[in-house]
Amino acid sequence: MKDKGLAIGISSLEFTNILCSYYPKGIKEKFDIYLFVDDTKIDLVKLKGIFEEHDLDIFKNAKIIILKDLYNYYIKKHRYEGRSKDFLLSHGCLFKILMPIYLKEKFNVKRTIVSDDDVFILNDLSYMWDEYKEFGIKKENLFYIRNKDKHDVMAAFNDIFESNFTLDQMNSLCINAGNIIYGEDPKLEYYFERFMKNSFIHHQYFNFTGYTSWTVEQRFHHFNIHRYLAEGREVKFTDSKDLRLMQNRDKMMKAGTPPDKYLKVVVPSIIHYAIGVKKPLWLNDFLPGLEWRYGFTYEAKYELKNILYDKNWVPPTFKSIQKNGFNLKKDLKMKSVF
């Protein structure tokens, strides 16, 4: 096993199939892949079938870790009870903090790139571990600490991280935690456990909806990056050629006239389409624009079958997602995809 790992959270067969459809062929990766799979949403036989269909050795040989097993391991190890346990089992994104901790403990992976499954990987990522010597993360201005209880948020997270950061410090640098390059961090598990057991974090998650509730995980990463900087660790912000973060449909897409060709000048190594409930609309426009380069237009086979390229499909409202999950089909709920 290699000491470098790419850890991907898998909750959608469709997104995984898209990922594998455009993953570069014939390369010799200098890393291993670990798949953290939500088996309440994923049929493992179908998942392995995707890897066989695309004949990608690195995916066929990937270690599969079931998310509920990961959570149960740390519930027992950290003795999570009550709200701490419920928080871990229901949030949906906390696995991205546990990935590097678990891989170091169980497989001696020293440096991990963590990712969701709603990504394109278009180049061999082996160079990334050299490009980003310790930690790499995407700068972003979305997650300022701005809610009315911002001073309580600061107090709670400073307590968790045993720090004295000011609000101005935190808001001077914000990040997006969809993709993170982790170096070795022996303190990460300690701070994660303190985070999981903090009553104010439970209050924000369980007693609120929307922005306040779903950003508690982002806040952990936000403070953690500031911790790295304060400790003098090397943090490099990911360049757009390495990671491109897509968060909305551009003007041409919204106008119904997207370009015929995408990736004409630069082919980013990772494209993360963090578009929320509008993912199918973005894919409708983006995928046909790849045909000139890859020789095919992707056809949906799984959750997006009969939805992708359907101009009459309308995404559900954010409020309905919060209440019912993301219903792509009448009998399917995909709460953790977004």
Protein backbone atom coordinates (compact mmCIF):
# COMPACT_ATOMS: atom_id res chain seq x y z
CA MET A 1 0.00 0.00 0.00
CA LYS A 2 1.12 3.52 -0.76
CA ASP A 3 1.39 6.25 1.88
CA LYS A 4 -0.71 8.63 -0.24
CA GLY A 5 -4.46 8.22 -0.53
CA LEU A 6 -7.42 9.69 -2.38
CA ALA A 7 -10.52 9.27 -0.22
CA ILE A 8 -13.91 9.69 -1.89
CA GLY A 9 -17.29 9.68 -0.19
CA ILE A 10 -19.72 7.72 -2.37
CA SER A 11 -23.47 8.29 -2.11
CA SER A 12 -24.58 8.30 -5.77
CA LEU A 13 -24.08 5.66 -8.44
CA GLU A 14 -24.69 8.28 -11.13
CA PHE A 15 -22.01 10.67 -9.92
CA THR A 16 -19.60 7.75 -9.52
CA ASN A 17 -20.33 6.59 -13.06
CA ILE A 18 -19.73 10.12 -14.37
CA LEU A 19 -16.46 10.22 -12.45
CA CYS A 20 -15.31 6.92 -13.94
CA SER A 21 -16.49 7.81 -17.46
CA TYR A 22 -14.04 10.70 -17.68
CA TYR A 23 -11.25 9.39 -15.42
CA PRO A 24 -7.96 9.23 -17.37
CA LYS A 25 -7.06 5.82 -18.78
CA GLY A 26 -3.66 4.14 -18.91
CA ILE A 27 -1.96 6.07 -16.11
CA LYS A 28 0.19 4.74 -13.24
CA GLU A 29 -1.07 6.47 -10.13
CA LYS A 30 1.29 6.97 -7.20
CA PHE A 31 -1.57 6.79 -4.72
CA ASP A 32 -4.33 4.42 -3.66
CA ILE A 33 -8.07 5.13 -3.66
CA TYR A 34 -10.30 4.55 -0.65
CA LEU A 35 -14.06 4.70 -1.07
CA PHE A 36 -16.24 5.59 1.91
CA VAL A 37 -19.61 4.24 0.82
CA ASP A 38 -23.08 5.01 2.11
CA ASP A 39 -24.61 1.57 1.59
CA THR A 40 -28.10 2.85 2.45
CA LYS A 41 -28.00 4.57 -0.96
CA ILE A 42 -25.50 2.45 -2.87
CA ASP A 43 -25.89 -1.10 -4.19
CA LEU A 44 -22.36 -2.47 -3.79
CA VAL A 45 -22.79 -4.95 -6.64
CA LYS A 46 -23.76 -2.12 -9.01
CA LEU A 47 -20.91 0.02 -7.70
CA LYS A 48 -18.35 -2.67 -8.44
CA GLY A 49 -20.02 -3.18 -11.80
CA ILE A 50 -19.26 0.45 -12.69
CA PHE A 51 -15.57 -0.14 -11.99
CA GLU A 52 -15.56 -3.32 -14.09
CA GLU A 53 -17.38 -1.60 -16.97
CA HIS A 54 -14.81 1.19 -17.14
CA ASP A 55 -11.91 -1.21 -16.47
CA LEU A 56 -10.15 1.12 -14.05
CA ASP A 57 -7.68 -0.88 -11.97
CA ILE A 58 -7.31 1.78 -9.30
CA PHE A 59 -11.07 1.70 -8.65
CA LYS A 60 -11.32 -2.08 -8.97
CA ASN A 61 -8.57 -2.38 -6.35
CA ALA A 62 -9.90 0.41 -4.13
CA LYS A 63 -10.54 -0.34 -0.48
CA ILE A 64 -14.24 0.09 0.34
CA ILE A 65 -15.14 1.34 3.81
CA ILE A 66 -18.83 1.37 4.72
CA LEU A 67 -19.73 4.72 6.28
CA LYS A 68 -21.86 3.27 9.08
CA ASP A 69 -18.91 1.05 10.06
CA LEU A 70 -16.66 4.11 10.15
CA TYR A 71 -19.13 5.97 12.33
CA ASN A 72 -19.72 3.01 14.65
CA TYR A 73 -15.98 2.61 15.10
CA TYR A 74 -15.58 6.19 16.34
CA ILE A 75 -18.81 6.09 18.35
CA LYS A 76 -17.27 3.26 20.33
CA LYS A 77 -13.73 4.64 20.40
CA HIS A 78 -14.74 8.18 21.47
CA ARG A 79 -17.72 7.02 23.52
CA TYR A 80 -20.22 9.22 21.73
CA GLU A 81 -23.66 9.19 23.31
CA GLY A 82 -26.90 11.14 23.02
CA ARG A 83 -26.62 14.19 20.78
CA SER A 84 -22.97 13.52 19.93
CA LYS A 85 -23.89 10.13 18.52
CA ASP A 86 -26.99 11.47 16.72
CA PHE A 87 -24.93 14.33 15.26
CA LEU A 88 -22.37 11.97 13.78
CA LEU A 89 -24.98 9.63 12.33
CA SER A 90 -27.22 12.30 10.82
CA HIS A 91 -25.06 15.20 9.60
CA GLY A 92 -23.89 13.56 6.38
CA CYS A 93 -20.56 15.36 5.84
CA LEU A 94 -18.50 14.58 8.94
CA PHE A 95 -16.82 11.62 7.24
CA LYS A 96 -14.54 14.09 5.43
CA ILE A 97 -12.88 14.93 8.75
CA LEU A 98 -12.64 11.28 9.76
CA MET A 99 -11.18 10.09 6.44
CA PRO A 100 -7.54 11.13 7.05
CA ILE A 101 -7.73 10.09 10.71
CA TYR A 102 -9.01 6.61 9.85
CA LEU A 103 -6.66 6.05 6.91
CA LYS A 104 -3.62 6.98 9.00
CA GLU A 105 -4.72 4.71 11.85
CA LYS A 106 -5.73 1.68 9.78
CA PHE A 107 -3.60 1.85 6.63
CA ASN A 108 -0.73 4.19 7.58
CA VAL A 109 -1.71 6.66 4.86
CA LYS A 110 0.33 9.74 5.72
CA ARG A 111 -1.29 12.24 3.37
CA THR A 112 -4.86 12.15 2.09
CA ILE A 113 -6.87 14.10 -0.47
CA VAL A 114 -10.53 14.00 0.54
CA SER A 115 -13.37 14.50 -1.92
CA ASP A 116 -17.07 14.11 -2.51
CA ASP A 117 -18.27 11.99 -5.45
CA ASP A 118 -19.69 14.91 -7.46
CA VAL A 119 -16.37 15.53 -9.19
CA PHE A 120 -14.62 15.06 -12.49
CA ILE A 121 -11.03 13.84 -12.22
CA LEU A 122 -9.49 14.63 -15.58
CA ASN A 123 -5.73 14.26 -14.96
CA ASP A 124 -3.44 11.95 -13.03
CA LEU A 125 -3.49 13.41 -9.51
CA SER A 126 -0.12 11.94 -8.49
CA TYR A 127 1.59 15.33 -8.78
CA MET A 128 -0.76 16.92 -6.24
CA TRP A 129 1.11 15.47 -3.26
CA ASP A 130 4.27 17.22 -4.50
CA GLU A 131 2.52 20.44 -5.48
CA TYR A 132 0.94 20.74 -2.02
CA LYS A 133 3.62 19.75 0.49
CA GLU A 134 1.40 19.64 3.57
CA PHE A 135 -2.13 21.04 3.36
CA GLY A 136 -4.13 22.30 0.42
CA ILE A 137 -7.60 23.83 0.40
CA LYS A 138 -9.81 26.05 -1.76
CA LYS A 139 -10.19 29.70 -0.80
CA GLU A 140 -13.77 30.92 -0.88
CA ASN A 141 -15.79 33.85 0.40
CA LEU A 142 -19.09 32.08 1.09
CA PHE A 143 -18.62 31.01 4.69
CA TYR A 144 -18.03 34.21 6.58
CA ILE A 145 -19.08 34.05 10.23
CA ARG A 146 -21.91 36.52 9.97
CA ASN A 147 -24.99 35.13 11.73
CA LYS A 148 -26.40 36.97 14.73
CA ASP A 149 -24.78 34.56 17.19
CA LYS A 150 -21.34 35.01 15.61
CA HIS A 151 -19.69 35.84 18.94
CA ASP A 152 -21.09 32.64 20.46
CA VAL A 153 -19.76 30.75 17.43
CA MET A 154 -16.33 32.26 17.95
CA ALA A 155 -16.36 31.40 21.66
CA ALA A 156 -17.42 27.80 21.02
CA PHE A 157 -14.86 27.09 18.31
CA ASN A 158 -12.05 28.86 20.15
CA ASP A 159 -12.87 26.60 23.09
CA ILE A 160 -12.82 23.51 20.85
CA PHE A 161 -9.50 24.44 19.27
CA GLU A 162 -7.99 25.96 22.43
CA SER A 163 -7.34 29.11 20.43
CA ASN A 164 -7.87 32.86 20.62
CA PHE A 165 -8.79 33.76 17.05
CA THR A 166 -10.72 36.97 16.50
CA LEU A 167 -13.75 37.39 14.28
CA ASP A 168 -11.74 39.63 11.96
CA GLN A 169 -9.04 36.98 11.66
CA MET A 170 -11.54 34.28 10.77
CA ASN A 171 -13.39 36.43 8.24
CA SER A 172 -10.15 37.52 6.58
CA LEU A 173 -9.76 34.00 5.21
CA CYS A 174 -12.63 31.65 4.39
CA ILE A 175 -12.45 28.26 2.71
CA ASN A 176 -14.50 25.58 0.99
CA ALA A 177 -14.12 22.10 2.47
CA GLY A 178 -15.35 20.05 -0.48
CA ASN A 179 -11.79 18.97 -1.33
CA ILE A 180 -8.92 19.10 1.16
CA ILE A 181 -5.33 17.90 0.93
CA TYR A 182 -4.28 16.74 4.39
CA GLY A 183 -0.76 16.41 5.72
CA GLU A 184 0.07 14.46 8.84
CA ASP A 185 -1.84 15.89 11.78
CA PRO A 186 -1.66 14.00 15.10
CA LYS A 187 -4.00 16.55 16.73
CA LEU A 188 -6.88 16.27 14.26
CA GLU A 189 -8.66 13.43 16.04
CA TYR A 190 -8.37 15.21 19.40
CA TYR A 191 -10.02 18.37 18.07
CA PHE A 192 -12.66 16.37 16.20
CA GLU A 193 -13.70 14.64 19.42
CA ARG A 194 -13.94 17.99 21.23
CA PHE A 195 -16.06 19.31 18.34
CA MET A 196 -18.40 16.32 18.43
CA LYS A 197 -19.02 16.65 22.16
CA ASN A 198 -19.54 20.42 22.25
CA SER A 199 -23.06 21.38 23.39
CA PHE A 200 -23.15 24.64 21.40
CA ILE A 201 -22.37 22.74 18.18
CA HIS A 202 -25.26 20.41 19.00
CA HIS A 203 -27.47 23.47 19.56
CA GLN A 204 -26.56 24.93 16.17
CA TYR A 205 -27.08 21.65 14.34
CA PHE A 206 -30.25 20.38 15.98
CA ASN A 207 -32.07 23.63 16.79
CA PHE A 208 -31.62 25.44 13.48
CA THR A 209 -32.17 24.74 9.79
CA GLY A 210 -30.47 26.06 6.69
CA TYR A 211 -27.20 27.98 6.82
CA THR A 212 -26.60 27.76 10.58
CA SER A 213 -27.18 24.01 10.71
CA TRP A 214 -25.34 22.76 7.65
CA THR A 215 -22.27 24.98 8.03
CA VAL A 216 -21.13 23.55 11.38
CA GLU A 217 -18.86 21.11 9.54
CA GLN A 218 -17.47 23.90 7.33
CA ARG A 219 -16.77 25.89 10.49
CA PHE A 220 -14.61 23.06 11.81
CA HIS A 221 -12.48 23.12 8.66
CA HIS A 222 -12.41 26.93 8.75
CA PHE A 223 -10.95 27.04 12.25
CA ASN A 224 -8.71 24.06 11.59
CA ILE A 225 -7.01 25.77 8.65
CA HIS A 226 -6.41 28.83 10.81
CA ARG A 227 -4.92 26.47 13.41
CA TYR A 228 -2.50 25.10 10.82
CA LEU A 229 -1.46 28.62 9.83
CA ALA A 230 -0.99 29.63 13.49
CA GLU A 231 1.16 26.53 14.06
CA GLY A 232 3.35 27.43 11.10
CA ARG A 233 2.24 24.50 8.99
CA GLU A 234 2.41 24.90 5.22
CA VAL A 235 -1.04 25.67 3.81
CA LYS A 236 -1.32 26.28 0.08
CA PHE A 237 -4.53 27.40 -1.57
CA THR A 238 -5.46 25.25 -4.53
CA ASP A 239 -4.94 26.72 -7.96
CA SER A 240 -7.79 26.60 -10.48
CA LYS A 241 -5.72 24.36 -12.76
CA ASP A 242 -5.66 21.79 -9.96
CA LEU A 243 -9.15 22.25 -8.53
CA ARG A 244 -12.02 24.18 -10.06
CA LEU A 245 -15.03 24.69 -7.84
CA MET A 246 -18.33 25.15 -9.68
CA GLN A 247 -21.04 26.63 -7.46
CA ASN A 248 -23.63 27.90 -9.89
CA ARG A 249 -24.60 27.89 -13.53
CA ASP A 250 -22.90 30.62 -15.52
CA LYS A 251 -24.77 33.28 -17.49
CA MET A 252 -24.62 31.37 -20.78
CA MET A 253 -26.00 28.25 -19.11
CA LYS A 254 -28.89 30.17 -17.57
CA ALA A 255 -29.61 31.79 -20.91
CA GLY A 256 -29.80 28.38 -22.55
CA THR A 257 -26.78 28.97 -24.80
CA PRO A 258 -23.82 27.18 -23.18
CA PRO A 259 -20.60 26.84 -25.20
CA ASP A 260 -20.33 23.89 -27.57
CA LYS A 261 -16.87 23.16 -26.23
CA TYR A 262 -15.64 23.16 -22.65
CA LEU A 263 -12.02 22.68 -21.48
CA LYS A 264 -10.60 24.32 -24.60
CA VAL A 265 -7.72 26.08 -22.83
CA VAL A 266 -7.16 24.43 -19.45
CA VAL A 267 -8.16 20.97 -18.27
CA PRO A 268 -8.38 21.18 -14.47
CA SER A 269 -7.32 18.07 -12.60
CA ILE A 270 -10.47 18.15 -10.47
CA ILE A 271 -13.78 19.84 -11.19
CA HIS A 272 -16.12 19.82 -8.21
CA TYR A 273 -19.68 20.68 -9.21
CA ALA A 274 -21.04 21.77 -5.83
CA ILE A 275 -24.26 23.07 -7.39
CA GLY A 276 -26.68 21.70 -4.80
CA VAL A 277 -30.11 20.72 -6.10
CA LYS A 278 -29.29 22.19 -9.51
CA LYS A 279 -26.63 19.58 -10.29
CA PRO A 280 -28.72 17.97 -13.07
CA LEU A 281 -29.24 21.37 -14.74
CA TRP A 282 -25.52 22.11 -14.66
CA LEU A 283 -24.69 18.64 -16.00
CA ASN A 284 -27.29 19.11 -18.77
CA ASP A 285 -25.20 21.99 -20.10
CA PHE A 286 -21.70 20.82 -19.24
CA LEU A 287 -21.65 17.20 -20.39
CA PRO A 288 -22.47 17.83 -24.08
CA GLY A 289 -19.64 20.36 -24.16
CA LEU A 290 -17.14 17.57 -23.45
CA GLU A 291 -18.00 15.46 -26.51
CA TRP A 292 -15.43 17.17 -28.75
CA ARG A 293 -12.64 16.15 -26.34
CA TYR A 294 -13.79 12.71 -25.16
CA GLY A 295 -15.74 11.45 -28.15
CA PHE A 296 -19.04 10.75 -26.42
CA THR A 297 -21.89 12.44 -24.62
CA TYR A 298 -22.67 10.91 -21.26
CA GLU A 299 -26.00 9.09 -20.91
CA ALA A 300 -27.48 8.62 -17.45
CA LYS A 301 -27.95 5.07 -16.15
CA TYR A 302 -28.81 5.43 -12.49
CA GLU A 303 -30.40 8.16 -10.35
CA LEU A 304 -30.46 10.70 -13.19
CA LYS A 305 -32.00 8.38 -15.78
CA ASN A 306 -35.03 10.15 -17.32
CA ILE A 307 -33.92 13.40 -15.61
CA LEU A 308 -30.64 14.29 -17.28
CA TYR A 309 -31.25 16.40 -20.43
CA ASP A 310 -34.97 16.66 -19.61
CA LYS A 311 -35.69 20.35 -20.17
CA ASN A 312 -38.92 20.10 -18.19
CA TRP A 313 -37.26 18.85 -15.01
CA VAL A 314 -37.38 21.41 -12.19
CA PRO A 315 -35.21 21.04 -9.08
CA PRO A 316 -36.99 20.83 -5.73
CA THR A 317 -36.93 23.80 -3.41
CA PHE A 318 -34.30 24.01 -0.68
CA LYS A 319 -37.02 23.84 1.99
CA SER A 320 -38.36 20.59 0.57
CA ILE A 321 -34.84 19.16 0.53
CA GLN A 322 -34.46 19.98 4.20
CA LYS A 323 -37.74 18.28 4.99
CA ASN A 324 -37.80 15.29 2.66
CA GLY A 325 -34.37 14.84 1.10
CA PHE A 326 -33.66 15.16 -2.60
CA ASN A 327 -36.23 13.06 -4.47
CA LEU A 328 -34.89 12.34 -7.95
CA LYS A 329 -37.41 9.55 -8.24
CA LYS A 330 -40.59 8.99 -6.30
CA ASP A 331 -39.07 6.08 -4.40
CA LEU A 332 -35.56 7.55 -3.96
CA LYS A 333 -34.25 10.02 -1.41
CA MET A 334 -30.70 11.31 -1.71
CA LYS A 335 -30.14 13.42 1.37
CA SER A 336 -26.34 13.30 1.41
CA VAL A 337 -25.67 13.92 -2.30
CA PHE A 338 -25.80 17.66 -1.74
